[in-house]
Amino acid sequence: MATVIKDLVEYIGINEGELKNFKNFKQLNFESDFHVPSEAPDIEQIVKVYANVDICKYEVIETPIGISLEGQKLTGYKLLVFGDINYKIQYIGDDENQVVQTFKHYIPFGVDIVLSQHFNNLSYITPYAFIEDIDAEQIANRYVCLNLTLLLIADIKA
């Protein structure tokens, strides 16, 4: 995992390296607002944002074959992926001590990936999640807006 610094904020958990030759994937953007817990002081400055993804469950389902009105081709199989995006935000408290504070939050997600029309139901499937980008913005003294771009890949081995 790479560490990226943008506007004095350190982001930890972004995927580093190139991903090649994958056909079954879905890219998503998650935007979330988080509130600092009531027992913690206000935010003066965000320092670090940690993020990781846990895939909790996945399964293949059969779907109709056809083309939707939006132009998406349905092949007869989808991979449903369920998991959590876990965040840990460190910030300098806006009080006389200016101690570094931390709070955690998570977002559950459920996503479907359309599989190839040549998918073999006896194949081994492993889903992978890669964080492509994270961005945090302090909206107010107790609110943080986080944007995360996630790439989910279904690795299929016959």
C-alpha atoms as a PDB file:
ATOM      1  CA  MET A   1       0.000   0.000   0.000  1.00  0.00           C
ATOM      2  CA  ALA A   2       1.214   3.445  -0.861  1.00  0.00           C
ATOM      3  CA  THR A   3       1.311   6.581   1.218  1.00  0.00           C
ATOM      4  CA  VAL A   4       0.291   9.748  -0.577  1.00  0.00           C
ATOM      5  CA  ILE A   5       0.460  13.299   0.781  1.00  0.00           C
ATOM      6  CA  LYS A   6      -1.991  15.890  -0.556  1.00  0.00           C
ATOM      7  CA  ASP A   7      -2.548  19.323   0.999  1.00  0.00           C
ATOM      8  CA  LEU A   8      -0.646  18.338   4.182  1.00  0.00           C
ATOM      9  CA  VAL A   9      -2.821  15.241   4.731  1.00  0.00           C
ATOM     10  CA  GLU A  10      -1.204  11.792   4.615  1.00  0.00           C
ATOM     11  CA  TYR A  11      -3.340   9.090   2.956  1.00  0.00           C
ATOM     12  CA  ILE A  12      -2.465   5.469   3.727  1.00  0.00           C
ATOM     13  CA  GLY A  13      -4.023   2.505   1.911  1.00  0.00           C
ATOM     14  CA  ILE A  14      -3.925   3.521  -1.739  1.00  0.00           C
ATOM     15  CA  ASN A  15      -2.968   0.701  -4.095  1.00  0.00           C
ATOM     16  CA  GLU A  16       0.419   1.033  -5.717  1.00  0.00           C
ATOM     17  CA  GLY A  17       1.466  -0.594  -8.949  1.00  0.00           C
ATOM     18  CA  GLU A  18      -0.292  -1.412 -12.174  1.00  0.00           C
ATOM     19  CA  LEU A  19      -3.099  -3.877 -12.596  1.00  0.00           C
ATOM     20  CA  LYS A  20      -3.218  -5.537 -16.002  1.00  0.00           C
ATOM     21  CA  ASN A  21      -5.347  -7.935 -17.979  1.00  0.00           C
ATOM     22  CA  PHE A  22      -8.524  -8.043 -15.972  1.00  0.00           C
ATOM     23  CA  LYS A  23     -11.905  -8.251 -17.673  1.00  0.00           C
ATOM     24  CA  ASN A  24     -14.425  -8.558 -14.865  1.00  0.00           C
ATOM     25  CA  PHE A  25     -14.383  -5.421 -12.733  1.00  0.00           C
ATOM     26  CA  LYS A  26     -16.357  -2.511 -11.383  1.00  0.00           C
ATOM     27  CA  GLN A  27     -15.100   0.910 -10.373  1.00  0.00           C
ATOM     28  CA  LEU A  28     -17.024   2.841  -7.724  1.00  0.00           C
ATOM     29  CA  ASN A  29     -16.825   6.135  -5.922  1.00  0.00           C
ATOM     30  CA  PHE A  30     -17.927   6.454  -2.295  1.00  0.00           C
ATOM     31  CA  GLU A  31     -18.608   9.855  -0.757  1.00  0.00           C
ATOM     32  CA  SER A  32     -19.283   9.903   2.981  1.00  0.00           C
ATOM     33  CA  ASP A  33     -19.632  12.504   5.689  1.00  0.00           C
ATOM     34  CA  PHE A  34     -18.359  11.588   9.146  1.00  0.00           C
ATOM     35  CA  HIS A  35     -19.103  13.288  12.431  1.00  0.00           C
ATOM     36  CA  VAL A  36     -16.442  13.474  15.157  1.00  0.00           C
ATOM     37  CA  PRO A  37     -17.614  11.493  18.223  1.00  0.00           C
ATOM     38  CA  SER A  38     -19.200  13.705  20.895  1.00  0.00           C
ATOM     39  CA  GLU A  39     -16.511  12.934  23.504  1.00  0.00           C
ATOM     40  CA  ALA A  40     -13.693  14.077  21.174  1.00  0.00           C
ATOM     41  CA  PRO A  41     -12.610  17.698  20.613  1.00  0.00           C
ATOM     42  CA  ASP A  42     -13.299  19.648  17.429  1.00  0.00           C
ATOM     43  CA  ILE A  43     -10.973  19.336  14.423  1.00  0.00           C
ATOM     44  CA  GLU A  44      -8.272  21.915  13.853  1.00  0.00           C
ATOM     45  CA  GLN A  45      -6.358  20.040  11.119  1.00  0.00           C
ATOM     46  CA  ILE A  46      -6.720  16.569   9.570  1.00  0.00           C
ATOM     47  CA  VAL A  47      -3.333  14.810   9.681  1.00  0.00           C
ATOM     48  CA  LYS A  48      -3.784  11.243   8.360  1.00  0.00           C
ATOM     49  CA  VAL A  49      -6.474   9.120   6.761  1.00  0.00           C
ATOM     50  CA  TYR A  50      -6.088   5.341   6.787  1.00  0.00           C
ATOM     51  CA  ALA A  51      -8.378   3.198   4.617  1.00  0.00           C
ATOM     52  CA  ASN A  52      -8.691  -0.489   3.847  1.00  0.00           C
ATOM     53  CA  VAL A  53     -11.335  -2.775   2.411  1.00  0.00           C
ATOM     54  CA  ASP A  54     -12.571  -6.054   3.882  1.00  0.00           C
ATOM     55  CA  ILE A  55     -14.501  -8.359   1.562  1.00  0.00           C
ATOM     56  CA  CYS A  56     -16.871 -10.238   3.849  1.00  0.00           C
ATOM     57  CA  LYS A  57     -18.882 -12.367   1.442  1.00  0.00           C
ATOM     58  CA  TYR A  58     -19.312 -13.041  -2.259  1.00  0.00           C
ATOM     59  CA  GLU A  59     -21.449 -15.292  -4.433  1.00  0.00           C
ATOM     60  CA  VAL A  60     -22.283 -15.911  -8.084  1.00  0.00           C
ATOM     61  CA  ILE A  61     -25.891 -15.518  -9.148  1.00  0.00           C
ATOM     62  CA  GLU A  62     -27.626 -16.270 -12.422  1.00  0.00           C
ATOM     63  CA  THR A  63     -29.279 -13.326 -14.164  1.00  0.00           C
ATOM     64  CA  PRO A  64     -31.297 -12.799 -17.331  1.00  0.00           C
ATOM     65  CA  ILE A  65     -29.390 -12.457 -20.592  1.00  0.00           C
ATOM     66  CA  GLY A  66     -29.960  -9.296 -22.576  1.00  0.00           C
ATOM     67  CA  ILE A  67     -29.153  -5.619 -22.959  1.00  0.00           C
ATOM     68  CA  SER A  68     -30.618  -3.064 -20.574  1.00  0.00           C
ATOM     69  CA  LEU A  69     -32.101   0.266 -21.673  1.00  0.00           C
ATOM     70  CA  GLU A  70     -28.855   1.891 -20.450  1.00  0.00           C
ATOM     71  CA  GLY A  71     -26.862  -0.354 -22.811  1.00  0.00           C
ATOM     72  CA  GLN A  72     -25.374  -2.721 -20.221  1.00  0.00           C
ATOM     73  CA  LYS A  73     -24.958  -6.246 -21.544  1.00  0.00           C
ATOM     74  CA  LEU A  74     -26.192  -8.899 -19.117  1.00  0.00           C
ATOM     75  CA  THR A  75     -24.428 -12.190 -19.738  1.00  0.00           C
ATOM     76  CA  GLY A  76     -26.359 -14.516 -17.425  1.00  0.00           C
ATOM     77  CA  TYR A  77     -23.967 -14.349 -14.434  1.00  0.00           C
ATOM     78  CA  LYS A  78     -23.039 -11.743 -11.835  1.00  0.00           C
ATOM     79  CA  LEU A  79     -20.700 -11.821  -8.883  1.00  0.00           C
ATOM     80  CA  LEU A  80     -22.184 -10.177  -5.784  1.00  0.00           C
ATOM     81  CA  VAL A  81     -19.507  -8.777  -3.457  1.00  0.00           C
ATOM     82  CA  PHE A  82     -20.235  -7.530   0.079  1.00  0.00           C
ATOM     83  CA  GLY A  83     -17.759  -5.848   2.374  1.00  0.00           C
ATOM     84  CA  ASP A  84     -16.719  -2.881   4.477  1.00  0.00           C
ATOM     85  CA  ILE A  85     -14.584   0.162   3.802  1.00  0.00           C
ATOM     86  CA  ASN A  86     -12.756   0.930   7.057  1.00  0.00           C
ATOM     87  CA  TYR A  87     -11.503   4.428   7.822  1.00  0.00           C
ATOM     88  CA  LYS A  88      -9.304   5.770  10.592  1.00  0.00           C
ATOM     89  CA  ILE A  89      -8.943   9.548  10.704  1.00  0.00           C
ATOM     90  CA  GLN A  90      -6.251  11.289  12.739  1.00  0.00           C
ATOM     91  CA  TYR A  91      -6.520  14.990  13.438  1.00  0.00           C
ATOM     92  CA  ILE A  92      -5.145  17.698  15.695  1.00  0.00           C
ATOM     93  CA  GLY A  93      -7.729  18.655  18.292  1.00  0.00           C
ATOM     94  CA  ASP A  94      -8.888  22.265  18.371  1.00  0.00           C
ATOM     95  CA  ASP A  95      -8.275  22.809  22.097  1.00  0.00           C
ATOM     96  CA  GLU A  96      -5.486  24.116  24.322  1.00  0.00           C
ATOM     97  CA  ASN A  97      -3.590  20.761  24.309  1.00  0.00           C
ATOM     98  CA  GLN A  98      -3.690  20.242  20.510  1.00  0.00           C
ATOM     99  CA  VAL A  99      -3.271  16.488  20.970  1.00  0.00           C
ATOM    100  CA  VAL A 100      -3.565  14.177  17.959  1.00  0.00           C
ATOM    101  CA  GLN A 101      -6.975  12.500  18.109  1.00  0.00           C
ATOM    102  CA  THR A 102      -8.269   9.454  16.213  1.00  0.00           C
ATOM    103  CA  PHE A 103     -11.717   8.222  15.320  1.00  0.00           C
ATOM    104  CA  LYS A 104     -12.840   5.263  13.201  1.00  0.00           C
ATOM    105  CA  HIS A 105     -15.729   4.721  10.870  1.00  0.00           C
ATOM    106  CA  TYR A 106     -16.779   2.124   8.312  1.00  0.00           C
ATOM    107  CA  ILE A 107     -19.126   1.951   5.353  1.00  0.00           C
ATOM    108  CA  PRO A 108     -20.731  -1.348   4.311  1.00  0.00           C
ATOM    109  CA  PHE A 109     -21.131  -1.942   0.580  1.00  0.00           C
ATOM    110  CA  GLY A 110     -22.698  -4.424  -1.803  1.00  0.00           C
ATOM    111  CA  VAL A 111     -21.686  -4.449  -5.472  1.00  0.00           C
ATOM    112  CA  ASP A 112     -22.368  -6.639  -8.493  1.00  0.00           C
ATOM    113  CA  ILE A 113     -19.849  -7.412 -11.238  1.00  0.00           C
ATOM    114  CA  VAL A 114     -21.163  -8.712 -14.572  1.00  0.00           C
ATOM    115  CA  LEU A 115     -19.186 -11.826 -15.524  1.00  0.00           C
ATOM    116  CA  SER A 116     -18.189 -12.954 -19.006  1.00  0.00           C
ATOM    117  CA  GLN A 117     -20.752 -14.688 -21.195  1.00  0.00           C
ATOM    118  CA  HIS A 118     -18.288 -17.599 -21.328  1.00  0.00           C
ATOM    119  CA  PHE A 119     -18.187 -17.934 -17.525  1.00  0.00           C
ATOM    120  CA  ASN A 120     -17.960 -21.531 -16.321  1.00  0.00           C
ATOM    121  CA  ASN A 121     -19.955 -22.090 -13.129  1.00  0.00           C
ATOM    122  CA  LEU A 122     -17.235 -24.521 -11.937  1.00  0.00           C
ATOM    123  CA  SER A 123     -14.515 -21.845 -12.070  1.00  0.00           C
ATOM    124  CA  TYR A 124     -12.749 -20.519  -8.968  1.00  0.00           C
ATOM    125  CA  ILE A 125     -13.492 -16.863  -8.304  1.00  0.00           C
ATOM    126  CA  THR A 126     -11.569 -14.548  -5.998  1.00  0.00           C
ATOM    127  CA  PRO A 127     -12.670 -10.924  -5.640  1.00  0.00           C
ATOM    128  CA  TYR A 128     -10.045  -8.257  -4.919  1.00  0.00           C
ATOM    129  CA  ALA A 129     -10.527  -4.668  -3.832  1.00  0.00           C
ATOM    130  CA  PHE A 130      -8.042  -1.915  -4.668  1.00  0.00           C
ATOM    131  CA  ILE A 131      -8.255   1.631  -3.367  1.00  0.00           C
ATOM    132  CA  GLU A 132      -7.325   3.943  -6.233  1.00  0.00           C
ATOM    133  CA  ASP A 133      -7.716   7.283  -4.492  1.00  0.00           C
ATOM    134  CA  ILE A 134      -8.747   8.863  -1.178  1.00  0.00           C
ATOM    135  CA  ASP A 135      -9.497  12.485  -0.450  1.00  0.00           C
ATOM    136  CA  ALA A 136     -10.631  14.111   2.814  1.00  0.00           C
ATOM    137  CA  GLU A 137     -12.008  17.565   3.388  1.00  0.00           C
ATOM    138  CA  GLN A 138     -12.910  19.201   6.658  1.00  0.00           C
ATOM    139  CA  ILE A 139     -16.411  20.599   6.146  1.00  0.00           C
ATOM    140  CA  ALA A 140     -16.889  22.089   9.617  1.00  0.00           C
ATOM    141  CA  ASN A 141     -15.205  21.804  13.004  1.00  0.00           C
ATOM    142  CA  ARG A 142     -16.878  18.415  13.626  1.00  0.00           C
ATOM    143  CA  TYR A 143     -17.482  17.060  10.111  1.00  0.00           C
ATOM    144  CA  VAL A 144     -15.226  15.399   7.547  1.00  0.00           C
ATOM    145  CA  CYS A 145     -16.176  14.513   3.968  1.00  0.00           C
ATOM    146  CA  LEU A 146     -14.279  11.555   2.508  1.00  0.00           C
ATOM    147  CA  ASN A 147     -14.184  10.459  -1.135  1.00  0.00           C
ATOM    148  CA  LEU A 148     -12.776   7.052  -2.026  1.00  0.00           C
ATOM    149  CA  THR A 149     -12.414   5.474  -5.457  1.00  0.00           C
ATOM    150  CA  LEU A 150     -12.528   1.686  -5.334  1.00  0.00           C
ATOM    151  CA  LEU A 151     -11.766  -0.888  -8.024  1.00  0.00           C
ATOM    152  CA  LEU A 152     -13.284  -4.344  -7.498  1.00  0.00           C
ATOM    153  CA  ILE A 153     -11.881  -7.155  -9.632  1.00  0.00           C
ATOM    154  CA  ALA A 154     -13.164 -10.715 -10.054  1.00  0.00           C
ATOM    155  CA  ASP A 155     -10.176 -12.996 -10.680  1.00  0.00           C
ATOM    156  CA  ILE A 156     -11.460 -16.138 -12.409  1.00  0.00           C
ATOM    157  CA  LYS A 157      -9.466 -19.329 -12.760  1.00  0.00           C
ATOM    158  CA  ALA A 158     -10.893 -22.294 -14.651  1.00  0.00           C
END
